[in-house]
Amino acid sequence: MKKPVYFIANIRITDEDLYRKYLNSCSEIFSKYGGKYLSVDEDPEVLEGEWDYSRAVLIEFPDRAEFNRWYSSPEYKDILQYRLSAAQCDTILISQNS
C-alpha cells in the first residue's frame, strides 16, 4: 500500500533574484511527480527553539518512489542549482504513520 511522504524545507534566502529562477519552474515539476504544496509559510509560529529562516515549505508526494523520481529527475536537477545557490536549506523527508 502506498503511503504519502512529506518533504519539509526550512529555507533562508540569500539571493531573491536567483531564488526566483527556482520558483519559476518548481511547481510544474512537483506536480509532474504527484507533489503538491501543503504549506508555504514565511512567518510560522515558533513554539520552541529558534527559527531563523525566510520560509518553511511542506510538500506531499504520493509515496517514496514518486518522491525519489522527482528528486533525481533531470528537470529538478536543472533548477535545484538555483535553490542551492540562492538559499541555505535544511530539508527532511518524513513518512505518514500507518
PDB file of N, CA and C in Angstrom:
ATOM      1  N   MET A   1       0.831  -1.178   0.000  1.00  0.00           N
ATOM      2  CA  MET A   1       0.000   0.000   0.000  1.00  0.00           C
ATOM      3  C   MET A   1       0.884   1.253   0.000  1.00  0.00           C
ATOM      4  N   LYS A   2       0.548   2.187  -0.858  1.00  0.00           N
ATOM      5  CA  LYS A   2       1.303   3.432  -0.935  1.00  0.00           C
ATOM      6  C   LYS A   2       1.020   4.305   0.276  1.00  0.00           C
ATOM      7  N   LYS A   3       2.110   4.895   0.816  1.00  0.00           N
ATOM      8  CA  LYS A   3       1.964   5.836   1.924  1.00  0.00           C
ATOM      9  C   LYS A   3       2.578   7.161   1.503  1.00  0.00           C
ATOM     10  N   PRO A   4       1.869   8.253   1.734  1.00  0.00           N
ATOM     11  CA  PRO A   4       2.428   9.565   1.391  1.00  0.00           C
ATOM     12  C   PRO A   4       3.707   9.852   2.176  1.00  0.00           C
ATOM     13  N   VAL A   5       4.564  10.645   1.563  1.00  0.00           N
ATOM     14  CA  VAL A   5       5.745  11.170   2.237  1.00  0.00           C
ATOM     15  C   VAL A   5       5.691  12.692   2.130  1.00  0.00           C
ATOM     16  N   TYR A   6       6.373  13.341   3.070  1.00  0.00           N
ATOM     17  CA  TYR A   6       6.318  14.794   3.168  1.00  0.00           C
ATOM     18  C   TYR A   6       7.719  15.368   3.170  1.00  0.00           C
ATOM     19  N   PHE A   7       7.968  16.252   2.224  1.00  0.00           N
ATOM     20  CA  PHE A   7       9.237  16.942   2.089  1.00  0.00           C
ATOM     21  C   PHE A   7       9.099  18.282   2.820  1.00  0.00           C
ATOM     22  N   ILE A   8       9.954  18.483   3.809  1.00  0.00           N
ATOM     23  CA  ILE A   8       9.915  19.706   4.601  1.00  0.00           C
ATOM     24  C   ILE A   8      11.222  20.454   4.380  1.00  0.00           C
ATOM     25  N   ALA A   9      11.096  21.726   4.009  1.00  0.00           N
ATOM     26  CA  ALA A   9      12.281  22.549   3.772  1.00  0.00           C
ATOM     27  C   ALA A   9      12.189  23.825   4.597  1.00  0.00           C
ATOM     28  N   ASN A  10      13.219  24.087   5.367  1.00  0.00           N
ATOM     29  CA  ASN A  10      13.395  25.375   6.028  1.00  0.00           C
ATOM     30  C   ASN A  10      14.433  26.116   5.198  1.00  0.00           C
ATOM     31  N   ILE A  11      14.055  27.289   4.708  1.00  0.00           N
ATOM     32  CA  ILE A  11      14.857  27.976   3.700  1.00  0.00           C
ATOM     33  C   ILE A  11      15.219  29.379   4.173  1.00  0.00           C
ATOM     34  N   ARG A  12      16.482  29.713   4.049  1.00  0.00           N
ATOM     35  CA  ARG A  12      16.977  31.059   4.340  1.00  0.00           C
ATOM     36  C   ARG A  12      17.472  31.622   3.012  1.00  0.00           C
ATOM     37  N   ILE A  13      16.690  32.485   2.394  1.00  0.00           N
ATOM     38  CA  ILE A  13      17.008  33.008   1.070  1.00  0.00           C
ATOM     39  C   ILE A  13      18.084  34.083   1.192  1.00  0.00           C
ATOM     40  N   THR A  14      19.118  33.952   0.345  1.00  0.00           N
ATOM     41  CA  THR A  14      20.212  34.916   0.347  1.00  0.00           C
ATOM     42  C   THR A  14      20.283  35.720  -0.950  1.00  0.00           C
ATOM     43  N   ASP A  15      19.627  35.225  -2.004  1.00  0.00           N
ATOM     44  CA  ASP A  15      19.613  35.913  -3.293  1.00  0.00           C
ATOM     45  C   ASP A  15      18.221  35.769  -3.907  1.00  0.00           C
ATOM     46  N   GLU A  16      17.384  36.775  -3.711  1.00  0.00           N
ATOM     47  CA  GLU A  16      15.982  36.721  -4.163  1.00  0.00           C
ATOM     48  C   GLU A  16      15.863  36.507  -5.671  1.00  0.00           C
ATOM     49  N   ASP A  17      16.679  37.184  -6.466  1.00  0.00           N
ATOM     50  CA  ASP A  17      16.577  37.066  -7.927  1.00  0.00           C
ATOM     51  C   ASP A  17      16.906  35.657  -8.399  1.00  0.00           C
ATOM     52  N   LEU A  18      17.954  35.090  -7.876  1.00  0.00           N
ATOM     53  CA  LEU A  18      18.333  33.733  -8.261  1.00  0.00           C
ATOM     54  C   LEU A  18      17.296  32.733  -7.749  1.00  0.00           C
ATOM     55  N   TYR A  19      16.801  32.942  -6.546  1.00  0.00           N
ATOM     56  CA  TYR A  19      15.780  32.049  -5.990  1.00  0.00           C
ATOM     57  C   TYR A  19      14.509  32.079  -6.847  1.00  0.00           C
ATOM     58  N   ARG A  20      14.191  33.238  -7.407  1.00  0.00           N
ATOM     59  CA  ARG A  20      13.014  33.369  -8.267  1.00  0.00           C
ATOM     60  C   ARG A  20      13.134  32.458  -9.498  1.00  0.00           C
ATOM     61  N   LYS A  21      14.351  32.248  -9.991  1.00  0.00           N
ATOM     62  CA  LYS A  21      14.551  31.327 -11.126  1.00  0.00           C
ATOM     63  C   LYS A  21      14.109  29.914 -10.739  1.00  0.00           C
ATOM     64  N   TYR A  22      14.364  29.538  -9.506  1.00  0.00           N
ATOM     65  CA  TYR A  22      13.909  28.235  -9.000  1.00  0.00           C
ATOM     66  C   TYR A  22      12.383  28.215  -8.931  1.00  0.00           C
ATOM     67  N   LEU A  23      11.803  29.259  -8.363  1.00  0.00           N
ATOM     68  CA  LEU A  23      10.351  29.312  -8.191  1.00  0.00           C
ATOM     69  C   LEU A  23       9.595  29.310  -9.511  1.00  0.00           C
ATOM     70  N   ASN A  24      10.202  29.835 -10.570  1.00  0.00           N
ATOM     71  CA  ASN A  24       9.522  29.906 -11.866  1.00  0.00           C
ATOM     72  C   ASN A  24       9.173  28.538 -12.440  1.00  0.00           C
ATOM     73  N   SER A  25       9.872  27.477 -12.016  1.00  0.00           N
ATOM     74  CA  SER A  25       9.646  26.150 -12.593  1.00  0.00           C
ATOM     75  C   SER A  25       9.269  25.062 -11.599  1.00  0.00           C
ATOM     76  N   CYS A  26       9.478  25.295 -10.313  1.00  0.00           N
ATOM     77  CA  CYS A  26       9.359  24.190  -9.353  1.00  0.00           C
ATOM     78  C   CYS A  26       7.944  23.618  -9.242  1.00  0.00           C
ATOM     79  N   SER A  27       6.913  24.442  -9.267  1.00  0.00           N
ATOM     80  CA  SER A  27       5.546  23.927  -9.103  1.00  0.00           C
ATOM     81  C   SER A  27       5.171  22.948 -10.208  1.00  0.00           C
ATOM     82  N   GLU A  28       5.520  23.286 -11.413  1.00  0.00           N
ATOM     83  CA  GLU A  28       5.225  22.410 -12.553  1.00  0.00           C
ATOM     84  C   GLU A  28       5.933  21.062 -12.414  1.00  0.00           C
ATOM     85  N   ILE A  29       7.174  21.102 -11.957  1.00  0.00           N
ATOM     86  CA  ILE A  29       7.941  19.864 -11.801  1.00  0.00           C
ATOM     87  C   ILE A  29       7.408  19.043 -10.631  1.00  0.00           C
ATOM     88  N   PHE A  30       7.074  19.680  -9.502  1.00  0.00           N
ATOM     89  CA  PHE A  30       6.488  18.943  -8.374  1.00  0.00           C
ATOM     90  C   PHE A  30       5.247  18.189  -8.830  1.00  0.00           C
ATOM     91  N   SER A  31       4.360  18.891  -9.509  1.00  0.00           N
ATOM     92  CA  SER A  31       3.073  18.286  -9.880  1.00  0.00           C
ATOM     93  C   SER A  31       3.251  17.150 -10.874  1.00  0.00           C
ATOM     94  N   LYS A  32       4.254  17.215 -11.710  1.00  0.00           N
ATOM     95  CA  LYS A  32       4.514  16.128 -12.673  1.00  0.00           C
ATOM     96  C   LYS A  32       4.755  14.802 -11.956  1.00  0.00           C
ATOM     97  N   TYR A  33       5.295  14.869 -10.749  1.00  0.00           N
ATOM     98  CA  TYR A  33       5.603  13.667  -9.964  1.00  0.00           C
ATOM     99  C   TYR A  33       4.628  13.479  -8.800  1.00  0.00           C
ATOM    100  N   GLY A  34       3.485  14.114  -8.883  1.00  0.00           N
ATOM    101  CA  GLY A  34       2.454  13.938  -7.866  1.00  0.00           C
ATOM    102  C   GLY A  34       2.649  14.780  -6.628  1.00  0.00           C
ATOM    103  N   GLY A  35       3.621  15.668  -6.641  1.00  0.00           N
ATOM    104  CA  GLY A  35       3.862  16.520  -5.486  1.00  0.00           C
ATOM    105  C   GLY A  35       2.872  17.666  -5.435  1.00  0.00           C
ATOM    106  N   LYS A  36       2.481  18.021  -4.221  1.00  0.00           N
ATOM    107  CA  LYS A  36       1.610  19.183  -4.074  1.00  0.00           C
ATOM    108  C   LYS A  36       1.996  19.946  -2.807  1.00  0.00           C
ATOM    109  N   TYR A  37       1.973  21.262  -2.961  1.00  0.00           N
ATOM    110  CA  TYR A  37       2.250  22.110  -1.815  1.00  0.00           C
ATOM    111  C   TYR A  37       1.127  21.973  -0.800  1.00  0.00           C
ATOM    112  N   LEU A  38       1.488  21.740   0.451  1.00  0.00           N
ATOM    113  CA  LEU A  38       0.514  21.782   1.542  1.00  0.00           C
ATOM    114  C   LEU A  38       0.631  23.099   2.292  1.00  0.00           C
ATOM    115  N   SER A  39       1.849  23.648   2.322  1.00  0.00           N
ATOM    116  CA  SER A  39       2.038  24.929   3.001  1.00  0.00           C
ATOM    117  C   SER A  39       3.339  25.576   2.557  1.00  0.00           C
ATOM    118  N   VAL A  40       3.282  26.878   2.387  1.00  0.00           N
ATOM    119  CA  VAL A  40       4.464  27.728   2.244  1.00  0.00           C
ATOM    120  C   VAL A  40       4.215  28.889   3.205  1.00  0.00           C
ATOM    121  N   ASP A  41       5.034  28.981   4.235  1.00  0.00           N
ATOM    122  CA  ASP A  41       4.790  29.969   5.287  1.00  0.00           C
ATOM    123  C   ASP A  41       6.043  30.793   5.530  1.00  0.00           C
ATOM    124  N   GLU A  42       5.926  32.093   5.372  1.00  0.00           N
ATOM    125  CA  GLU A  42       7.057  32.982   5.603  1.00  0.00           C
ATOM    126  C   GLU A  42       7.094  33.517   7.033  1.00  0.00           C
ATOM    127  N   ASP A  43       6.106  33.174   7.826  1.00  0.00           N
ATOM    128  CA  ASP A  43       6.068  33.650   9.207  1.00  0.00           C
ATOM    129  C   ASP A  43       5.415  32.614  10.122  1.00  0.00           C
ATOM    130  N   PRO A  44       6.018  31.407  10.213  1.00  0.00           N
ATOM    131  CA  PRO A  44       5.408  30.397  11.076  1.00  0.00           C
ATOM    132  C   PRO A  44       5.524  30.777  12.543  1.00  0.00           C
ATOM    133  N   GLU A  45       4.633  30.252  13.335  1.00  0.00           N
ATOM    134  CA  GLU A  45       4.663  30.493  14.775  1.00  0.00           C
ATOM    135  C   GLU A  45       5.701  29.565  15.402  1.00  0.00           C
ATOM    136  N   VAL A  46       6.700  30.127  16.018  1.00  0.00           N
ATOM    137  CA  VAL A  46       7.746  29.347  16.670  1.00  0.00           C
ATOM    138  C   VAL A  46       7.277  29.017  18.081  1.00  0.00           C
ATOM    139  N   LEU A  47       7.143  27.741  18.368  1.00  0.00           N
ATOM    140  CA  LEU A  47       6.676  27.301  19.679  1.00  0.00           C
ATOM    141  C   LEU A  47       7.816  26.959  20.619  1.00  0.00           C
ATOM    142  N   GLU A  48       8.897  26.428  20.060  1.00  0.00           N
ATOM    143  CA  GLU A  48      10.064  26.075  20.856  1.00  0.00           C
ATOM    144  C   GLU A  48      11.308  26.312  20.022  1.00  0.00           C
ATOM    145  N   GLY A  49      12.387  26.653  20.666  1.00  0.00           N
ATOM    146  CA  GLY A  49      13.651  26.830  19.961  1.00  0.00           C
ATOM    147  C   GLY A  49      13.703  28.111  19.153  1.00  0.00           C
ATOM    148  N   GLU A  50      14.592  28.111  18.170  1.00  0.00           N
ATOM    149  CA  GLU A  50      14.801  29.285  17.335  1.00  0.00           C
ATOM    150  C   GLU A  50      14.531  28.924  15.881  1.00  0.00           C
ATOM    151  N   TRP A  51      14.129  29.925  15.130  1.00  0.00           N
ATOM    152  CA  TRP A  51      13.861  29.745  13.704  1.00  0.00           C
ATOM    153  C   TRP A  51      14.358  30.984  12.989  1.00  0.00           C
ATOM    154  N   ASP A  52      15.425  30.836  12.192  1.00  0.00           N
ATOM    155  CA  ASP A  52      15.994  31.999  11.506  1.00  0.00           C
ATOM    156  C   ASP A  52      16.009  31.806   9.990  1.00  0.00           C
ATOM    157  N   TYR A  53      14.885  31.350   9.476  1.00  0.00           N
ATOM    158  CA  TYR A  53      14.746  31.104   8.046  1.00  0.00           C
ATOM    159  C   TYR A  53      13.823  32.144   7.418  1.00  0.00           C
ATOM    160  N   SER A  54      13.783  32.146   6.086  1.00  0.00           N
ATOM    161  CA  SER A  54      12.886  33.043   5.352  1.00  0.00           C
ATOM    162  C   SER A  54      11.509  32.435   5.146  1.00  0.00           C
ATOM    163  N   ARG A  55      11.479  31.097   5.062  1.00  0.00           N
ATOM    164  CA  ARG A  55      10.197  30.417   4.856  1.00  0.00           C
ATOM    165  C   ARG A  55      10.318  28.931   5.171  1.00  0.00           C
ATOM    166  N   ALA A  56       9.165  28.339   5.462  1.00  0.00           N
ATOM    167  CA  ALA A  56       9.056  26.897   5.650  1.00  0.00           C
ATOM    168  C   ALA A  56       8.127  26.378   4.554  1.00  0.00           C
ATOM    169  N   VAL A  57       8.491  25.243   3.980  1.00  0.00           N
ATOM    170  CA  VAL A  57       7.718  24.668   2.881  1.00  0.00           C
ATOM    171  C   VAL A  57       7.414  23.217   3.210  1.00  0.00           C
ATOM    172  N   LEU A  58       6.164  22.808   2.952  1.00  0.00           N
ATOM    173  CA  LEU A  58       5.727  21.424   3.159  1.00  0.00           C
ATOM    174  C   LEU A  58       5.104  20.933   1.853  1.00  0.00           C
ATOM    175  N   ILE A  59       5.688  19.873   1.282  1.00  0.00           N
ATOM    176  CA  ILE A  59       5.201  19.306   0.024  1.00  0.00           C
ATOM    177  C   ILE A  59       4.905  17.828   0.243  1.00  0.00           C
ATOM    178  N   GLU A  60       3.728  17.398  -0.205  1.00  0.00           N
ATOM    179  CA  GLU A  60       3.326  15.991  -0.101  1.00  0.00           C
ATOM    180  C   GLU A  60       3.561  15.294  -1.434  1.00  0.00           C
ATOM    181  N   PHE A  61       4.098  14.077  -1.367  1.00  0.00           N
ATOM    182  CA  PHE A  61       4.225  13.197  -2.535  1.00  0.00           C
ATOM    183  C   PHE A  61       3.437  11.930  -2.233  1.00  0.00           C
ATOM    184  N   PRO A  62       2.869  11.291  -3.258  1.00  0.00           N
ATOM    185  CA  PRO A  62       2.017  10.124  -3.021  1.00  0.00           C
ATOM    186  C   PRO A  62       2.732   8.962  -2.336  1.00  0.00           C
ATOM    187  N   ASP A  63       4.041   8.830  -2.590  1.00  0.00           N
ATOM    188  CA  ASP A  63       4.824   7.766  -1.959  1.00  0.00           C
ATOM    189  C   ASP A  63       6.306   8.069  -2.162  1.00  0.00           C
ATOM    190  N   ARG A  64       7.138   7.276  -1.523  1.00  0.00           N
ATOM    191  CA  ARG A  64       8.586   7.490  -1.584  1.00  0.00           C
ATOM    192  C   ARG A  64       9.118   7.312  -3.005  1.00  0.00           C
ATOM    193  N   ALA A  65       8.557   6.397  -3.764  1.00  0.00           N
ATOM    194  CA  ALA A  65       9.024   6.171  -5.134  1.00  0.00           C
ATOM    195  C   ALA A  65       8.830   7.425  -5.993  1.00  0.00           C
ATOM    196  N   GLU A  66       7.673   8.068  -5.878  1.00  0.00           N
ATOM    197  CA  GLU A  66       7.432   9.291  -6.648  1.00  0.00           C
ATOM    198  C   GLU A  66       8.340  10.420  -6.160  1.00  0.00           C
ATOM    199  N   PHE A  67       8.549  10.506  -4.860  1.00  0.00           N
ATOM    200  CA  PHE A  67       9.487  11.499  -4.335  1.00  0.00           C
ATOM    201  C   PHE A  67      10.864  11.276  -4.944  1.00  0.00           C
ATOM    202  N   ASN A  68      11.336  10.041  -4.921  1.00  0.00           N
ATOM    203  CA  ASN A  68      12.661   9.736  -5.465  1.00  0.00           C
ATOM    204  C   ASN A  68      12.745  10.042  -6.954  1.00  0.00           C
ATOM    205  N   ARG A  69      11.686   9.738  -7.686  1.00  0.00           N
ATOM    206  CA  ARG A  69      11.657  10.060  -9.122  1.00  0.00           C
ATOM    207  C   ARG A  69      11.784  11.569  -9.316  1.00  0.00           C
ATOM    208  N   TRP A  70      11.041  12.338  -8.517  1.00  0.00           N
ATOM    209  CA  TRP A  70      11.106  13.798  -8.613  1.00  0.00           C
ATOM    210  C   TRP A  70      12.496  14.310  -8.254  1.00  0.00           C
ATOM    211  N   TYR A  71      13.001  13.912  -7.105  1.00  0.00           N
ATOM    212  CA  TYR A  71      14.242  14.477  -6.591  1.00  0.00           C
ATOM    213  C   TYR A  71      15.442  14.152  -7.477  1.00  0.00           C
ATOM    214  N   SER A  72      15.394  13.010  -8.159  1.00  0.00           N
ATOM    215  CA  SER A  72      16.515  12.623  -9.029  1.00  0.00           C
ATOM    216  C   SER A  72      16.249  12.916 -10.506  1.00  0.00           C
ATOM    217  N   SER A  73      15.118  13.537 -10.807  1.00  0.00           N
ATOM    218  CA  SER A  73      14.767  13.804 -12.211  1.00  0.00           C
ATOM    219  C   SER A  73      15.684  14.869 -12.816  1.00  0.00           C
ATOM    220  N   PRO A  74      15.958  14.749 -14.107  1.00  0.00           N
ATOM    221  CA  PRO A  74      16.765  15.769 -14.789  1.00  0.00           C
ATOM    222  C   PRO A  74      16.126  17.162 -14.705  1.00  0.00           C
ATOM    223  N   GLU A  75      14.790  17.225 -14.760  1.00  0.00           N
ATOM    224  CA  GLU A  75      14.102  18.513 -14.693  1.00  0.00           C
ATOM    225  C   GLU A  75      14.372  19.204 -13.356  1.00  0.00           C
ATOM    226  N   TYR A  76      14.305  18.428 -12.274  1.00  0.00           N
ATOM    227  CA  TYR A  76      14.540  19.026 -10.969  1.00  0.00           C
ATOM    228  C   TYR A  76      16.011  19.368 -10.780  1.00  0.00           C
ATOM    229  N   LYS A  77      16.897  18.506 -11.235  1.00  0.00           N
ATOM    230  CA  LYS A  77      18.333  18.784 -11.110  1.00  0.00           C
ATOM    231  C   LYS A  77      18.689  20.097 -11.807  1.00  0.00           C
ATOM    232  N   ASP A  78      18.015  20.388 -12.935  1.00  0.00           N
ATOM    233  CA  ASP A  78      18.277  21.623 -13.673  1.00  0.00           C
ATOM    234  C   ASP A  78      17.964  22.868 -12.853  1.00  0.00           C
ATOM    235  N   ILE A  79      16.908  22.834 -12.043  1.00  0.00           N
ATOM    236  CA  ILE A  79      16.551  24.029 -11.267  1.00  0.00           C
ATOM    237  C   ILE A  79      17.073  23.992  -9.837  1.00  0.00           C
ATOM    238  N   LEU A  80      17.417  22.823  -9.329  1.00  0.00           N
ATOM    239  CA  LEU A  80      17.910  22.706  -7.955  1.00  0.00           C
ATOM    240  C   LEU A  80      19.136  23.582  -7.730  1.00  0.00           C
ATOM    241  N   GLN A  81      19.950  23.707  -8.751  1.00  0.00           N
ATOM    242  CA  GLN A  81      21.157  24.540  -8.635  1.00  0.00           C
ATOM    243  C   GLN A  81      20.813  25.969  -8.212  1.00  0.00           C
ATOM    244  N   TYR A  82      19.669  26.495  -8.662  1.00  0.00           N
ATOM    245  CA  TYR A  82      19.274  27.848  -8.297  1.00  0.00           C
ATOM    246  C   TYR A  82      18.940  27.936  -6.806  1.00  0.00           C
ATOM    247  N   ARG A  83      18.184  26.938  -6.306  1.00  0.00           N
ATOM    248  CA  ARG A  83      17.828  26.964  -4.887  1.00  0.00           C
ATOM    249  C   ARG A  83      19.070  26.836  -4.014  1.00  0.00           C
ATOM    250  N   LEU A  84      19.945  25.924  -4.377  1.00  0.00           N
ATOM    251  CA  LEU A  84      21.136  25.697  -3.559  1.00  0.00           C
ATOM    252  C   LEU A  84      22.104  26.877  -3.592  1.00  0.00           C
ATOM    253  N   SER A  85      22.118  27.609  -4.701  1.00  0.00           N
ATOM    254  CA  SER A  85      22.989  28.780  -4.802  1.00  0.00           C
ATOM    255  C   SER A  85      22.373  30.021  -4.165  1.00  0.00           C
ATOM    256  N   ALA A  86      21.035  30.074  -4.105  1.00  0.00           N
ATOM    257  CA  ALA A  86      20.342  31.281  -3.644  1.00  0.00           C
ATOM    258  C   ALA A  86      19.858  31.202  -2.208  1.00  0.00           C
ATOM    259  N   ALA A  87      20.052  30.059  -1.559  1.00  0.00           N
ATOM    260  CA  ALA A  87      19.496  29.907  -0.221  1.00  0.00           C
ATOM    261  C   ALA A  87      20.234  28.825   0.562  1.00  0.00           C
ATOM    262  N   GLN A  88      20.182  28.979   1.885  1.00  0.00           N
ATOM    263  CA  GLN A  88      20.617  27.917   2.796  1.00  0.00           C
ATOM    264  C   GLN A  88      19.370  27.112   3.110  1.00  0.00           C
ATOM    265  N   CYS A  89      19.407  25.829   2.863  1.00  0.00           N
ATOM    266  CA  CYS A  89      18.215  24.997   3.045  1.00  0.00           C
ATOM    267  C   CYS A  89      18.512  23.812   3.951  1.00  0.00           C
ATOM    268  N   ASP A  90      17.628  23.591   4.890  1.00  0.00           N
ATOM    269  CA  ASP A  90      17.652  22.388   5.718  1.00  0.00           C
ATOM    270  C   ASP A  90      16.391  21.628   5.370  1.00  0.00           C
ATOM    271  N   THR A  91      16.552  20.412   4.829  1.00  0.00           N
ATOM    272  CA  THR A  91      15.399  19.652   4.361  1.00  0.00           C
ATOM    273  C   THR A  91      15.367  18.274   4.993  1.00  0.00           C
ATOM    274  N   ILE A  92      14.150  17.778   5.179  1.00  0.00           N
ATOM    275  CA  ILE A  92      13.955  16.415   5.666  1.00  0.00           C
ATOM    276  C   ILE A  92      12.788  15.791   4.910  1.00  0.00           C
ATOM    277  N   LEU A  93      12.741  14.476   4.932  1.00  0.00           N
ATOM    278  CA  LEU A  93      11.633  13.722   4.353  1.00  0.00           C
ATOM    279  C   LEU A  93      11.051  12.874   5.472  1.00  0.00           C
ATOM    280  N   ILE A  94       9.744  12.993   5.675  1.00  0.00           N
ATOM    281  CA  ILE A  94       9.089  12.185   6.705  1.00  0.00           C
ATOM    282  C   ILE A  94       7.965  11.380   6.058  1.00  0.00           C
ATOM    283  N   SER A  95       7.637  10.258   6.684  1.00  0.00           N
ATOM    284  CA  SER A  95       6.594   9.374   6.195  1.00  0.00           C
ATOM    285  C   SER A  95       5.368   9.447   7.080  1.00  0.00           C
ATOM    286  N   GLN A  96       4.242   9.138   6.492  1.00  0.00           N
ATOM    287  CA  GLN A  96       2.998   9.068   7.267  1.00  0.00           C
ATOM    288  C   GLN A  96       3.019   7.765   8.067  1.00  0.00           C
ATOM    289  N   ASN A  97       2.588   7.828   9.320  1.00  0.00           N
ATOM    290  CA  ASN A  97       2.472   6.618  10.128  1.00  0.00           C
ATOM    291  C   ASN A  97       1.333   5.775   9.610  1.00  0.00           C
ATOM    292  N   SER A  98       1.442   4.452   9.829  1.00  0.00           N
ATOM    293  CA  SER A  98       0.348   3.586   9.373  1.00  0.00           C
ATOM    294  C   SER A  98      -0.792   3.558  10.353  1.00  0.00           C
TER     295      SER A  98
END
